[in-house]
Amino acid sequence: MEHVDDYRAALAEMTRILRPGGTLLLGVPFRQAIHMAPQDFWRFTEYGLRHLLAHDYEIVVLDGMDESEAGFPSAYWVTARRLESSSR
């Protein structure tokens, strides 16, 4: 999602096509150098991911990867289940 200019629209489309109860697998960078410039737009924190997914998903796992620097993971991997009551 870091390369999509409208990440909210991208997430809305993922939610639209994922059936209720389906599993979303999402990996996003956090501590990573700019790459694929100029289409490298976003970095997401654990709290930002929780906020983005809160309405339509139950987060099953949200793990920081390579946490060799405390509080500064290189990426996050998320497994989330689309809620049955999702509005999309």
N, C-alpha and C. Protein backbone atom coordinates (compact mmCIF):
# COMPACT_ATOMS: atom_id res chain seq x y z
N MET A 1 0.80 -1.19 0.00
CA MET A 1 0.00 0.00 0.00
C MET A 1 0.85 1.26 0.00
N GLU A 2 2.14 1.12 0.26
CA GLU A 2 2.99 2.29 0.28
C GLU A 2 3.17 2.91 -1.11
N HIS A 3 2.83 2.18 -2.16
CA HIS A 3 3.00 2.67 -3.53
C HIS A 3 1.70 3.11 -4.18
N VAL A 4 0.62 3.10 -3.43
CA VAL A 4 -0.69 3.49 -3.95
C VAL A 4 -1.01 4.88 -3.43
N ASP A 5 -1.28 5.82 -4.35
CA ASP A 5 -1.51 7.19 -3.89
C ASP A 5 -2.76 7.32 -3.03
N ASP A 6 -3.79 6.54 -3.30
CA ASP A 6 -5.03 6.59 -2.51
C ASP A 6 -5.19 5.25 -1.77
N TYR A 7 -4.46 5.10 -0.68
CA TYR A 7 -4.47 3.82 0.04
C TYR A 7 -5.85 3.51 0.63
N ARG A 8 -6.63 4.53 0.95
CA ARG A 8 -7.98 4.28 1.48
C ARG A 8 -8.87 3.65 0.41
N ALA A 9 -8.78 4.14 -0.82
CA ALA A 9 -9.55 3.55 -1.92
C ALA A 9 -9.07 2.12 -2.19
N ALA A 10 -7.77 1.89 -2.10
CA ALA A 10 -7.24 0.54 -2.31
C ALA A 10 -7.76 -0.42 -1.25
N LEU A 11 -7.76 0.01 0.01
CA LEU A 11 -8.28 -0.83 1.08
C LEU A 11 -9.78 -1.06 0.91
N ALA A 12 -10.51 -0.04 0.49
CA ALA A 12 -11.95 -0.20 0.25
C ALA A 12 -12.21 -1.24 -0.84
N GLU A 13 -11.39 -1.25 -1.88
CA GLU A 13 -11.57 -2.24 -2.96
C GLU A 13 -11.20 -3.64 -2.47
N MET A 14 -10.14 -3.76 -1.67
CA MET A 14 -9.79 -5.07 -1.10
C MET A 14 -10.94 -5.58 -0.26
N THR A 15 -11.53 -4.70 0.52
CA THR A 15 -12.65 -5.08 1.38
C THR A 15 -13.87 -5.46 0.55
N ARG A 16 -14.11 -4.72 -0.51
CA ARG A 16 -15.27 -5.00 -1.37
C ARG A 16 -15.20 -6.40 -1.98
N ILE A 17 -14.02 -6.79 -2.43
CA ILE A 17 -13.92 -8.07 -3.12
C ILE A 17 -13.69 -9.26 -2.18
N LEU A 18 -13.35 -8.97 -0.93
CA LEU A 18 -13.13 -10.05 0.05
C LEU A 18 -14.45 -10.39 0.73
N ARG A 19 -14.84 -11.63 0.64
CA ARG A 19 -16.13 -12.00 1.23
C ARG A 19 -16.10 -11.85 2.75
N PRO A 20 -17.24 -11.58 3.36
CA PRO A 20 -17.30 -11.53 4.82
C PRO A 20 -16.75 -12.83 5.42
N GLY A 21 -15.93 -12.70 6.43
CA GLY A 21 -15.27 -13.85 7.04
C GLY A 21 -13.96 -14.21 6.36
N GLY A 22 -13.68 -13.59 5.19
CA GLY A 22 -12.44 -13.86 4.47
C GLY A 22 -11.25 -13.24 5.18
N THR A 23 -10.06 -13.69 4.81
CA THR A 23 -8.83 -13.26 5.47
C THR A 23 -8.02 -12.32 4.59
N LEU A 24 -7.67 -11.18 5.15
CA LEU A 24 -6.81 -10.20 4.51
C LEU A 24 -5.39 -10.42 5.02
N LEU A 25 -4.45 -10.58 4.12
CA LEU A 25 -3.03 -10.66 4.47
C LEU A 25 -2.37 -9.41 3.93
N LEU A 26 -1.72 -8.67 4.79
CA LEU A 26 -1.19 -7.37 4.40
C LEU A 26 0.19 -7.19 4.99
N GLY A 27 1.14 -6.82 4.16
CA GLY A 27 2.48 -6.49 4.63
C GLY A 27 2.82 -5.08 4.19
N VAL A 28 3.28 -4.27 5.14
CA VAL A 28 3.63 -2.89 4.81
C VAL A 28 4.96 -2.53 5.48
N PRO A 29 5.78 -1.71 4.81
CA PRO A 29 7.04 -1.31 5.42
C PRO A 29 6.84 -0.22 6.45
N PHE A 30 7.78 -0.13 7.35
CA PHE A 30 7.82 1.00 8.28
C PHE A 30 9.20 1.64 8.22
N ARG A 31 10.21 0.88 8.60
CA ARG A 31 11.59 1.39 8.58
C ARG A 31 12.24 0.89 7.29
N GLN A 32 12.10 1.67 6.26
CA GLN A 32 12.62 1.25 4.97
C GLN A 32 13.01 2.49 4.17
N ALA A 33 14.09 2.40 3.46
CA ALA A 33 14.52 3.52 2.63
C ALA A 33 13.52 3.75 1.51
N ILE A 34 13.51 4.96 1.01
CA ILE A 34 12.66 5.26 -0.14
C ILE A 34 13.06 4.35 -1.28
N HIS A 35 12.07 3.77 -1.94
CA HIS A 35 12.31 2.87 -3.05
C HIS A 35 11.21 3.07 -4.08
N MET A 36 11.47 2.71 -5.30
CA MET A 36 10.54 2.89 -6.42
C MET A 36 10.05 4.35 -6.50
N ALA A 37 10.94 5.28 -6.20
CA ALA A 37 10.59 6.70 -6.29
C ALA A 37 10.22 7.05 -7.73
N PRO A 38 9.29 7.92 -7.94
CA PRO A 38 8.62 8.76 -6.95
C PRO A 38 7.29 8.17 -6.44
N GLN A 39 7.05 6.90 -6.65
CA GLN A 39 5.80 6.30 -6.18
C GLN A 39 5.97 5.58 -4.84
N ASP A 40 6.65 6.19 -3.92
CA ASP A 40 6.81 5.65 -2.57
C ASP A 40 6.20 6.67 -1.63
N PHE A 41 4.92 6.48 -1.29
CA PHE A 41 4.13 7.52 -0.65
C PHE A 41 3.99 7.40 0.86
N TRP A 42 3.86 6.20 1.42
CA TRP A 42 3.39 6.05 2.80
C TRP A 42 4.22 5.08 3.62
N ARG A 43 4.19 5.28 4.94
CA ARG A 43 4.64 4.32 5.93
C ARG A 43 3.53 4.24 6.97
N PHE A 44 3.27 3.05 7.46
CA PHE A 44 2.17 2.83 8.40
C PHE A 44 2.70 2.35 9.74
N THR A 45 2.18 2.90 10.82
CA THR A 45 2.51 2.42 12.16
C THR A 45 1.51 1.35 12.56
N GLU A 46 1.82 0.64 13.64
CA GLU A 46 0.87 -0.34 14.19
C GLU A 46 -0.47 0.33 14.48
N TYR A 47 -0.42 1.53 15.02
CA TYR A 47 -1.64 2.22 15.42
C TYR A 47 -2.42 2.71 14.21
N GLY A 48 -1.71 3.13 13.18
CA GLY A 48 -2.37 3.52 11.94
C GLY A 48 -3.07 2.34 11.29
N LEU A 49 -2.42 1.18 11.28
CA LEU A 49 -3.03 -0.03 10.72
C LEU A 49 -4.27 -0.43 11.51
N ARG A 50 -4.17 -0.39 12.83
CA ARG A 50 -5.33 -0.72 13.66
C ARG A 50 -6.50 0.24 13.36
N HIS A 51 -6.19 1.49 13.20
CA HIS A 51 -7.21 2.50 12.89
C HIS A 51 -7.84 2.23 11.52
N LEU A 52 -7.01 1.97 10.51
CA LEU A 52 -7.51 1.72 9.16
C LEU A 52 -8.41 0.49 9.08
N LEU A 53 -8.09 -0.53 9.84
CA LEU A 53 -8.81 -1.81 9.74
C LEU A 53 -9.96 -1.93 10.73
N ALA A 54 -10.05 -1.05 11.70
CA ALA A 54 -10.99 -1.21 12.82
C ALA A 54 -12.45 -1.36 12.40
N HIS A 55 -12.87 -0.69 11.38
CA HIS A 55 -14.29 -0.67 11.02
C HIS A 55 -14.73 -1.96 10.33
N ASP A 56 -13.87 -2.54 9.51
CA ASP A 56 -14.26 -3.67 8.67
C ASP A 56 -13.59 -5.00 9.00
N TYR A 57 -12.62 -4.98 9.92
CA TYR A 57 -11.83 -6.19 10.15
C TYR A 57 -11.61 -6.45 11.64
N GLU A 58 -11.44 -7.74 11.94
CA GLU A 58 -10.92 -8.16 13.23
C GLU A 58 -9.46 -8.54 12.99
N ILE A 59 -8.56 -7.86 13.66
CA ILE A 59 -7.14 -8.18 13.51
C ILE A 59 -6.85 -9.45 14.29
N VAL A 60 -6.34 -10.45 13.59
CA VAL A 60 -5.99 -11.72 14.21
C VAL A 60 -4.53 -11.67 14.66
N VAL A 61 -3.66 -11.17 13.80
CA VAL A 61 -2.24 -11.04 14.11
C VAL A 61 -1.75 -9.72 13.50
N LEU A 62 -1.00 -8.97 14.29
CA LEU A 62 -0.31 -7.79 13.77
C LEU A 62 1.08 -7.84 14.39
N ASP A 63 2.06 -8.20 13.58
CA ASP A 63 3.43 -8.39 14.06
C ASP A 63 4.38 -7.39 13.41
N GLY A 64 5.25 -6.83 14.23
CA GLY A 64 6.36 -6.06 13.70
C GLY A 64 7.48 -7.03 13.33
N MET A 65 8.12 -6.80 12.22
CA MET A 65 9.21 -7.65 11.75
C MET A 65 10.54 -6.93 11.97
N ASP A 66 11.58 -7.70 12.29
CA ASP A 66 12.92 -7.16 12.54
C ASP A 66 12.85 -5.98 13.50
N GLU A 67 12.59 -6.31 14.75
CA GLU A 67 12.51 -5.27 15.78
C GLU A 67 13.83 -5.16 16.52
N SER A 68 14.94 -5.20 15.77
CA SER A 68 16.27 -5.07 16.38
C SER A 68 16.44 -3.70 17.03
N GLU A 69 15.68 -2.71 16.56
CA GLU A 69 15.63 -1.40 17.21
C GLU A 69 14.25 -1.29 17.86
N ALA A 70 14.22 -1.26 19.19
CA ALA A 70 12.95 -1.25 19.93
C ALA A 70 12.04 -0.13 19.44
N GLY A 71 10.78 -0.49 19.16
CA GLY A 71 9.79 0.48 18.72
C GLY A 71 9.97 0.95 17.29
N PHE A 72 10.83 0.27 16.54
CA PHE A 72 11.15 0.73 15.18
C PHE A 72 11.27 -0.47 14.25
N PRO A 73 10.17 -1.23 14.06
CA PRO A 73 10.25 -2.42 13.21
C PRO A 73 10.47 -2.05 11.75
N SER A 74 11.01 -2.98 10.99
CA SER A 74 11.24 -2.71 9.57
C SER A 74 9.94 -2.79 8.77
N ALA A 75 8.99 -3.60 9.24
CA ALA A 75 7.73 -3.78 8.52
C ALA A 75 6.70 -4.36 9.47
N TYR A 76 5.47 -4.34 9.03
CA TYR A 76 4.38 -4.99 9.76
C TYR A 76 3.71 -6.00 8.85
N TRP A 77 3.36 -7.13 9.42
CA TRP A 77 2.57 -8.15 8.74
C TRP A 77 1.27 -8.30 9.50
N VAL A 78 0.16 -8.24 8.77
CA VAL A 78 -1.16 -8.27 9.37
C VAL A 78 -1.98 -9.42 8.77
N THR A 79 -2.64 -10.15 9.65
CA THR A 79 -3.68 -11.10 9.25
C THR A 79 -4.95 -10.58 9.90
N ALA A 80 -5.96 -10.31 9.08
CA ALA A 80 -7.21 -9.77 9.60
C ALA A 80 -8.39 -10.47 8.93
N ARG A 81 -9.45 -10.66 9.67
CA ARG A 81 -10.65 -11.32 9.16
C ARG A 81 -11.71 -10.26 8.91
N ARG A 82 -12.26 -10.27 7.69
CA ARG A 82 -13.31 -9.31 7.37
C ARG A 82 -14.54 -9.62 8.20
N LEU A 83 -15.09 -8.60 8.83
CA LEU A 83 -16.27 -8.78 9.67
C LEU A 83 -17.49 -9.09 8.84
N GLU A 84 -18.35 -9.92 9.39
CA GLU A 84 -19.61 -10.26 8.73
C GLU A 84 -20.46 -9.01 8.54
N SER A 85 -20.36 -8.09 9.50
CA SER A 85 -21.19 -6.90 9.47
C SER A 85 -20.53 -5.73 8.74
N SER A 86 -19.46 -5.99 8.00
CA SER A 86 -18.77 -4.94 7.27
C SER A 86 -19.74 -4.25 6.33
N SER A 87 -19.64 -2.94 6.24
CA SER A 87 -20.58 -2.17 5.43
C SER A 87 -20.25 -2.14 3.95
N ARG A 88 -19.18 -2.71 3.53
CA ARG A 88 -18.79 -2.63 2.11
C ARG A 88 -19.32 -3.82 1.35
